[in-house]
Amino acid sequence: MFALAPRPASSDVRLVIIRYLIVNVVRPSISMSEVSRAVRTAFPLCELTDWELCDLIARSAIDAGFAIEFDGAGS
């Protein structure tokens, strides 16, 4: 019998966002769609809506000192 993959907690998603920003972003601003795609790839079972995920990304990025490019991540 196969075990179902656990659904990620918001704190796990936030940790992945911060790690992604630290490792992959070399500019002072981030692309919402780029980070959103990375999170969805890391957590395919993430139940956050696109709106909720973008809100979490924005809050995490601002807390980490990044500027944000709102480039249609929910599209």
C-alpha atoms as a PDB file:
ATOM      1  CA  MET A   1       0.000   0.000   0.000  1.00  0.00           C
ATOM      2  CA  PHE A   2       1.271   3.456  -0.893  1.00  0.00           C
ATOM      3  CA  ALA A   3       1.425   6.159   1.744  1.00  0.00           C
ATOM      4  CA  LEU A   4       0.050   9.527   0.783  1.00  0.00           C
ATOM      5  CA  ALA A   5       2.511  12.390   0.819  1.00  0.00           C
ATOM      6  CA  PRO A   6       1.786  14.761   3.685  1.00  0.00           C
ATOM      7  CA  ARG A   7       0.400  18.157   2.830  1.00  0.00           C
ATOM      8  CA  PRO A   8       2.871  20.905   3.699  1.00  0.00           C
ATOM      9  CA  ALA A   9       2.240  23.274   6.585  1.00  0.00           C
ATOM     10  CA  SER A  10       2.413  27.012   5.942  1.00  0.00           C
ATOM     11  CA  SER A  11       5.632  27.155   7.978  1.00  0.00           C
ATOM     12  CA  ASP A  12       7.195  24.558   5.641  1.00  0.00           C
ATOM     13  CA  VAL A  13       6.122  26.549   2.592  1.00  0.00           C
ATOM     14  CA  ARG A  14       7.510  29.762   4.127  1.00  0.00           C
ATOM     15  CA  LEU A  15      10.826  28.012   4.796  1.00  0.00           C
ATOM     16  CA  VAL A  16      11.056  26.913   1.157  1.00  0.00           C
ATOM     17  CA  ILE A  17      10.263  30.473   0.024  1.00  0.00           C
ATOM     18  CA  ILE A  18      13.015  31.965   2.211  1.00  0.00           C
ATOM     19  CA  ARG A  19      15.537  29.338   1.109  1.00  0.00           C
ATOM     20  CA  TYR A  20      14.652  29.946  -2.536  1.00  0.00           C
ATOM     21  CA  LEU A  21      15.097  33.693  -2.112  1.00  0.00           C
ATOM     22  CA  ILE A  22      18.457  33.315  -0.387  1.00  0.00           C
ATOM     23  CA  VAL A  23      19.854  30.809  -2.875  1.00  0.00           C
ATOM     24  CA  ASN A  24      18.355  31.885  -6.213  1.00  0.00           C
ATOM     25  CA  VAL A  25      17.593  35.580  -6.186  1.00  0.00           C
ATOM     26  CA  VAL A  26      20.556  37.792  -7.047  1.00  0.00           C
ATOM     27  CA  ARG A  27      18.589  41.001  -7.690  1.00  0.00           C
ATOM     28  CA  PRO A  28      17.039  43.151  -4.983  1.00  0.00           C
ATOM     29  CA  SER A  29      13.563  42.369  -6.353  1.00  0.00           C
ATOM     30  CA  ILE A  30      11.809  39.050  -6.869  1.00  0.00           C
ATOM     31  CA  SER A  31       9.462  37.699  -9.508  1.00  0.00           C
ATOM     32  CA  MET A  32       6.255  36.451  -7.888  1.00  0.00           C
ATOM     33  CA  SER A  33       5.594  33.984 -10.699  1.00  0.00           C
ATOM     34  CA  GLU A  34       9.137  32.577 -10.516  1.00  0.00           C
ATOM     35  CA  VAL A  35       8.942  31.945  -6.774  1.00  0.00           C
ATOM     36  CA  SER A  36       5.369  30.650  -7.046  1.00  0.00           C
ATOM     37  CA  ARG A  37       6.419  28.080  -9.667  1.00  0.00           C
ATOM     38  CA  ALA A  38       9.339  26.971  -7.481  1.00  0.00           C
ATOM     39  CA  VAL A  39       7.060  26.470  -4.469  1.00  0.00           C
ATOM     40  CA  ARG A  40       4.455  24.570  -6.512  1.00  0.00           C
ATOM     41  CA  THR A  41       7.249  22.335  -7.829  1.00  0.00           C
ATOM     42  CA  ALA A  42       8.569  21.679  -4.315  1.00  0.00           C
ATOM     43  CA  PHE A  43       5.072  21.134  -2.894  1.00  0.00           C
ATOM     44  CA  PRO A  44       2.726  19.807  -5.598  1.00  0.00           C
ATOM     45  CA  LEU A  45       0.109  19.024  -2.914  1.00  0.00           C
ATOM     46  CA  CYS A  46       0.150  22.544  -1.483  1.00  0.00           C
ATOM     47  CA  GLU A  47      -3.469  23.512  -0.808  1.00  0.00           C
ATOM     48  CA  LEU A  48      -2.861  27.264  -0.775  1.00  0.00           C
ATOM     49  CA  THR A  49      -4.674  29.119  -3.522  1.00  0.00           C
ATOM     50  CA  ASP A  50      -2.562  31.202  -5.899  1.00  0.00           C
ATOM     51  CA  TRP A  51      -3.724  34.311  -4.039  1.00  0.00           C
ATOM     52  CA  GLU A  52      -2.745  32.862  -0.631  1.00  0.00           C
ATOM     53  CA  LEU A  53       0.601  31.631  -1.942  1.00  0.00           C
ATOM     54  CA  CYS A  54       1.444  35.009  -3.480  1.00  0.00           C
ATOM     55  CA  ASP A  55       0.497  36.710  -0.221  1.00  0.00           C
ATOM     56  CA  LEU A  56       2.828  34.381   1.707  1.00  0.00           C
ATOM     57  CA  ILE A  57       5.618  34.948  -0.823  1.00  0.00           C
ATOM     58  CA  ALA A  58       5.180  38.725  -0.623  1.00  0.00           C
ATOM     59  CA  ARG A  59       5.193  38.754   3.178  1.00  0.00           C
ATOM     60  CA  SER A  60       8.246  36.476   3.307  1.00  0.00           C
ATOM     61  CA  ALA A  61      10.131  38.516   0.718  1.00  0.00           C
ATOM     62  CA  ILE A  62       9.372  41.830   2.419  1.00  0.00           C
ATOM     63  CA  ASP A  63      10.466  40.383   5.775  1.00  0.00           C
ATOM     64  CA  ALA A  64      13.726  39.289   4.111  1.00  0.00           C
ATOM     65  CA  GLY A  65      14.292  42.767   2.600  1.00  0.00           C
ATOM     66  CA  PHE A  66      13.374  42.109  -1.037  1.00  0.00           C
ATOM     67  CA  ALA A  67      11.287  44.271  -3.350  1.00  0.00           C
ATOM     68  CA  ILE A  68       8.477  42.568  -5.246  1.00  0.00           C
ATOM     69  CA  GLU A  69       7.534  42.444  -8.938  1.00  0.00           C
ATOM     70  CA  PHE A  70       3.835  41.630  -9.296  1.00  0.00           C
ATOM     71  CA  ASP A  71       4.003  39.905 -12.645  1.00  0.00           C
ATOM     72  CA  GLY A  72       0.882  37.801 -12.879  1.00  0.00           C
ATOM     73  CA  ALA A  73       1.870  34.813 -10.735  1.00  0.00           C
ATOM     74  CA  GLY A  74      -1.745  33.725 -10.476  1.00  0.00           C
ATOM     75  CA  SER A  75      -2.190  33.541 -14.243  1.00  0.00           C
END
